[in-house]
Amino acid sequence: MATAIELKRLQMLIWVLIFGGLLALVLGLSVRRFEAPLGWVLMTSGAVLAGVGAALIFLRAKLGPPSPENPSLKE
């Protein structure tokens, strides 16, 4: 099981990948008119990043709730 800190880091990574990927995708759409190869590279990499972020959401759902930080202290 993952700790609460690890899950928070994973969630932060997920949202950075999704929003960064979508930003690159939109930037690629606007650049494509003037510089087609650069636009396609930005659009493709943005779509891949957003897809990886979306896939990590399913991984996060499979991990379940956080485990206790130090179970020996709970006794």
N, C-alpha and C. Protein backbone atom coordinates (compact mmCIF):
# COMPACT_ATOMS: atom_id res chain seq x y z
N MET A 1 0.84 -1.19 0.00
CA MET A 1 0.00 0.00 0.00
C MET A 1 0.88 1.25 0.00
N ALA A 2 0.40 2.25 -0.61
CA ALA A 2 1.13 3.51 -0.70
C ALA A 2 0.78 4.39 0.50
N THR A 3 1.74 5.19 0.89
CA THR A 3 1.49 6.12 2.00
C THR A 3 0.76 7.35 1.47
N ALA A 4 0.27 8.16 2.39
CA ALA A 4 -0.47 9.36 2.00
C ALA A 4 0.40 10.32 1.21
N ILE A 5 1.67 10.44 1.58
CA ILE A 5 2.58 11.36 0.88
C ILE A 5 2.82 10.87 -0.55
N GLU A 6 3.00 9.56 -0.72
CA GLU A 6 3.20 9.03 -2.07
C GLU A 6 1.97 9.24 -2.94
N LEU A 7 0.80 9.08 -2.35
CA LEU A 7 -0.43 9.29 -3.12
C LEU A 7 -0.60 10.76 -3.50
N LYS A 8 -0.23 11.67 -2.61
CA LYS A 8 -0.32 13.10 -2.95
C LYS A 8 0.64 13.44 -4.08
N ARG A 9 1.83 12.88 -4.04
CA ARG A 9 2.80 13.12 -5.12
C ARG A 9 2.28 12.57 -6.44
N LEU A 10 1.68 11.38 -6.39
CA LEU A 10 1.12 10.79 -7.60
C LEU A 10 -0.01 11.65 -8.15
N GLN A 11 -0.88 12.13 -7.28
CA GLN A 11 -1.97 12.99 -7.73
C GLN A 11 -1.46 14.28 -8.33
N MET A 12 -0.41 14.85 -7.74
CA MET A 12 0.17 16.07 -8.30
C MET A 12 0.75 15.78 -9.69
N LEU A 13 1.45 14.67 -9.83
CA LEU A 13 2.02 14.29 -11.12
C LEU A 13 0.92 14.08 -12.16
N ILE A 14 -0.17 13.45 -11.75
CA ILE A 14 -1.29 13.21 -12.67
C ILE A 14 -1.80 14.53 -13.23
N TRP A 15 -2.08 15.49 -12.37
CA TRP A 15 -2.67 16.75 -12.85
C TRP A 15 -1.67 17.57 -13.65
N VAL A 16 -0.40 17.51 -13.30
CA VAL A 16 0.62 18.22 -14.10
C VAL A 16 0.69 17.62 -15.50
N LEU A 17 0.66 16.29 -15.59
CA LEU A 17 0.70 15.65 -16.91
C LEU A 17 -0.54 15.98 -17.73
N ILE A 18 -1.70 15.93 -17.11
CA ILE A 18 -2.93 16.20 -17.86
C ILE A 18 -2.98 17.65 -18.34
N PHE A 19 -2.79 18.59 -17.43
CA PHE A 19 -2.90 20.00 -17.83
C PHE A 19 -1.73 20.44 -18.70
N GLY A 20 -0.53 19.96 -18.43
CA GLY A 20 0.61 20.27 -19.29
C GLY A 20 0.43 19.69 -20.68
N GLY A 21 -0.09 18.47 -20.75
CA GLY A 21 -0.34 17.85 -22.05
C GLY A 21 -1.41 18.58 -22.84
N LEU A 22 -2.47 19.00 -22.16
CA LEU A 22 -3.51 19.74 -22.86
C LEU A 22 -3.01 21.11 -23.31
N LEU A 23 -2.17 21.73 -22.51
CA LEU A 23 -1.59 23.03 -22.91
C LEU A 23 -0.71 22.86 -24.14
N ALA A 24 0.12 21.81 -24.15
CA ALA A 24 0.96 21.57 -25.32
C ALA A 24 0.12 21.24 -26.55
N LEU A 25 -0.97 20.51 -26.35
CA LEU A 25 -1.86 20.19 -27.46
C LEU A 25 -2.47 21.44 -28.07
N VAL A 26 -2.97 22.32 -27.25
CA VAL A 26 -3.58 23.56 -27.75
C VAL A 26 -2.51 24.46 -28.37
N LEU A 27 -1.35 24.53 -27.77
CA LEU A 27 -0.26 25.32 -28.35
C LEU A 27 0.13 24.76 -29.71
N GLY A 28 0.16 23.44 -29.82
CA GLY A 28 0.47 22.82 -31.11
C GLY A 28 -0.57 23.13 -32.17
N LEU A 29 -1.84 23.20 -31.75
CA LEU A 29 -2.89 23.57 -32.70
C LEU A 29 -2.70 24.98 -33.24
N SER A 30 -2.29 25.89 -32.38
CA SER A 30 -2.11 27.27 -32.84
C SER A 30 -0.81 27.45 -33.62
N VAL A 31 0.23 26.70 -33.30
CA VAL A 31 1.51 26.83 -34.00
C VAL A 31 1.47 26.13 -35.35
N ARG A 32 0.60 25.13 -35.48
CA ARG A 32 0.54 24.32 -36.71
C ARG A 32 0.29 25.15 -37.96
N ARG A 33 -0.42 26.26 -37.82
CA ARG A 33 -0.70 27.09 -39.00
C ARG A 33 0.56 27.70 -39.60
N PHE A 34 1.51 28.03 -38.75
CA PHE A 34 2.72 28.72 -39.21
C PHE A 34 3.92 27.79 -39.36
N GLU A 35 4.02 26.80 -38.50
CA GLU A 35 5.16 25.88 -38.51
C GLU A 35 4.61 24.47 -38.30
N ALA A 36 4.23 23.82 -39.40
CA ALA A 36 3.51 22.55 -39.33
C ALA A 36 4.25 21.44 -38.57
N PRO A 37 5.55 21.20 -38.84
CA PRO A 37 6.21 20.11 -38.11
C PRO A 37 6.27 20.34 -36.60
N LEU A 38 6.57 21.57 -36.20
CA LEU A 38 6.61 21.88 -34.77
C LEU A 38 5.23 21.73 -34.15
N GLY A 39 4.22 22.16 -34.86
CA GLY A 39 2.85 22.02 -34.36
C GLY A 39 2.46 20.57 -34.15
N TRP A 40 2.82 19.72 -35.09
CA TRP A 40 2.49 18.30 -34.95
C TRP A 40 3.25 17.67 -33.80
N VAL A 41 4.50 18.05 -33.62
CA VAL A 41 5.28 17.52 -32.49
C VAL A 41 4.65 17.93 -31.17
N LEU A 42 4.27 19.20 -31.05
CA LEU A 42 3.62 19.67 -29.83
C LEU A 42 2.28 18.97 -29.60
N MET A 43 1.50 18.83 -30.65
CA MET A 43 0.20 18.18 -30.50
C MET A 43 0.35 16.71 -30.11
N THR A 44 1.28 16.02 -30.73
CA THR A 44 1.47 14.60 -30.43
C THR A 44 2.00 14.40 -29.02
N SER A 45 3.01 15.18 -28.65
CA SER A 45 3.56 15.02 -27.29
C SER A 45 2.54 15.43 -26.24
N GLY A 46 1.76 16.45 -26.51
CA GLY A 46 0.72 16.86 -25.58
C GLY A 46 -0.34 15.79 -25.40
N ALA A 47 -0.75 15.17 -26.48
CA ALA A 47 -1.75 14.10 -26.40
C ALA A 47 -1.21 12.90 -25.64
N VAL A 48 0.06 12.58 -25.86
CA VAL A 48 0.67 11.45 -25.14
C VAL A 48 0.74 11.76 -23.64
N LEU A 49 1.18 12.97 -23.29
CA LEU A 49 1.27 13.33 -21.87
C LEU A 49 -0.10 13.30 -21.20
N ALA A 50 -1.10 13.84 -21.86
CA ALA A 50 -2.45 13.82 -21.28
C ALA A 50 -2.96 12.38 -21.16
N GLY A 51 -2.63 11.55 -22.11
CA GLY A 51 -3.03 10.14 -22.05
C GLY A 51 -2.36 9.39 -20.91
N VAL A 52 -1.08 9.68 -20.69
CA VAL A 52 -0.37 9.06 -19.57
C VAL A 52 -0.99 9.52 -18.24
N GLY A 53 -1.32 10.79 -18.15
CA GLY A 53 -1.98 11.29 -16.95
C GLY A 53 -3.31 10.62 -16.71
N ALA A 54 -4.08 10.42 -17.77
CA ALA A 54 -5.37 9.74 -17.64
C ALA A 54 -5.18 8.28 -17.22
N ALA A 55 -4.16 7.63 -17.75
CA ALA A 55 -3.88 6.24 -17.36
C ALA A 55 -3.47 6.16 -15.89
N LEU A 56 -2.74 7.16 -15.42
CA LEU A 56 -2.34 7.17 -14.02
C LEU A 56 -3.52 7.35 -13.07
N ILE A 57 -4.60 7.96 -13.56
CA ILE A 57 -5.81 8.07 -12.73
C ILE A 57 -6.34 6.67 -12.42
N PHE A 58 -6.33 5.77 -13.39
CA PHE A 58 -6.78 4.41 -13.15
C PHE A 58 -5.83 3.67 -12.20
N LEU A 59 -4.53 3.92 -12.31
CA LEU A 59 -3.58 3.33 -11.38
C LEU A 59 -3.86 3.82 -9.96
N ARG A 60 -4.13 5.12 -9.83
CA ARG A 60 -4.43 5.68 -8.51
C ARG A 60 -5.69 5.06 -7.93
N ALA A 61 -6.68 4.79 -8.75
CA ALA A 61 -7.91 4.17 -8.28
C ALA A 61 -7.67 2.74 -7.79
N LYS A 62 -6.74 2.05 -8.41
CA LYS A 62 -6.43 0.68 -8.00
C LYS A 62 -5.63 0.63 -6.69
N LEU A 63 -4.91 1.70 -6.35
CA LEU A 63 -4.08 1.69 -5.15
C LEU A 63 -4.89 1.70 -3.86
N GLY A 64 -6.07 2.26 -3.89
CA GLY A 64 -6.92 2.28 -2.71
C GLY A 64 -6.52 3.38 -1.73
N PRO A 65 -7.06 3.28 -0.51
CA PRO A 65 -6.78 4.32 0.49
C PRO A 65 -5.34 4.23 0.99
N PRO A 66 -4.82 5.34 1.53
CA PRO A 66 -3.43 5.31 2.02
C PRO A 66 -3.29 4.40 3.23
N SER A 67 -2.12 3.80 3.34
CA SER A 67 -1.82 2.96 4.50
C SER A 67 -1.30 3.85 5.63
N PRO A 68 -1.33 3.37 6.85
CA PRO A 68 -0.80 4.17 7.96
C PRO A 68 0.69 4.44 7.77
N GLU A 69 1.12 5.59 8.25
CA GLU A 69 2.53 5.97 8.08
C GLU A 69 3.46 5.01 8.81
N ASN A 70 3.16 4.72 10.07
CA ASN A 70 4.01 3.84 10.86
C ASN A 70 3.10 2.99 11.74
N PRO A 71 2.76 1.79 11.30
CA PRO A 71 1.80 0.98 12.05
C PRO A 71 2.28 0.60 13.44
N SER A 72 3.59 0.55 13.68
CA SER A 72 4.09 0.17 15.00
C SER A 72 3.75 1.21 16.06
N LEU A 73 3.54 2.46 15.66
CA LEU A 73 3.19 3.51 16.62
C LEU A 73 1.71 3.43 17.03
N LYS A 74 0.89 2.75 16.25
CA LYS A 74 -0.54 2.67 16.54
C LYS A 74 -0.87 1.70 17.66
N GLU A 75 0.03 0.78 17.96
CA GLU A 75 -0.23 -0.25 18.98
C GLU A 75 -0.15 0.26 20.37
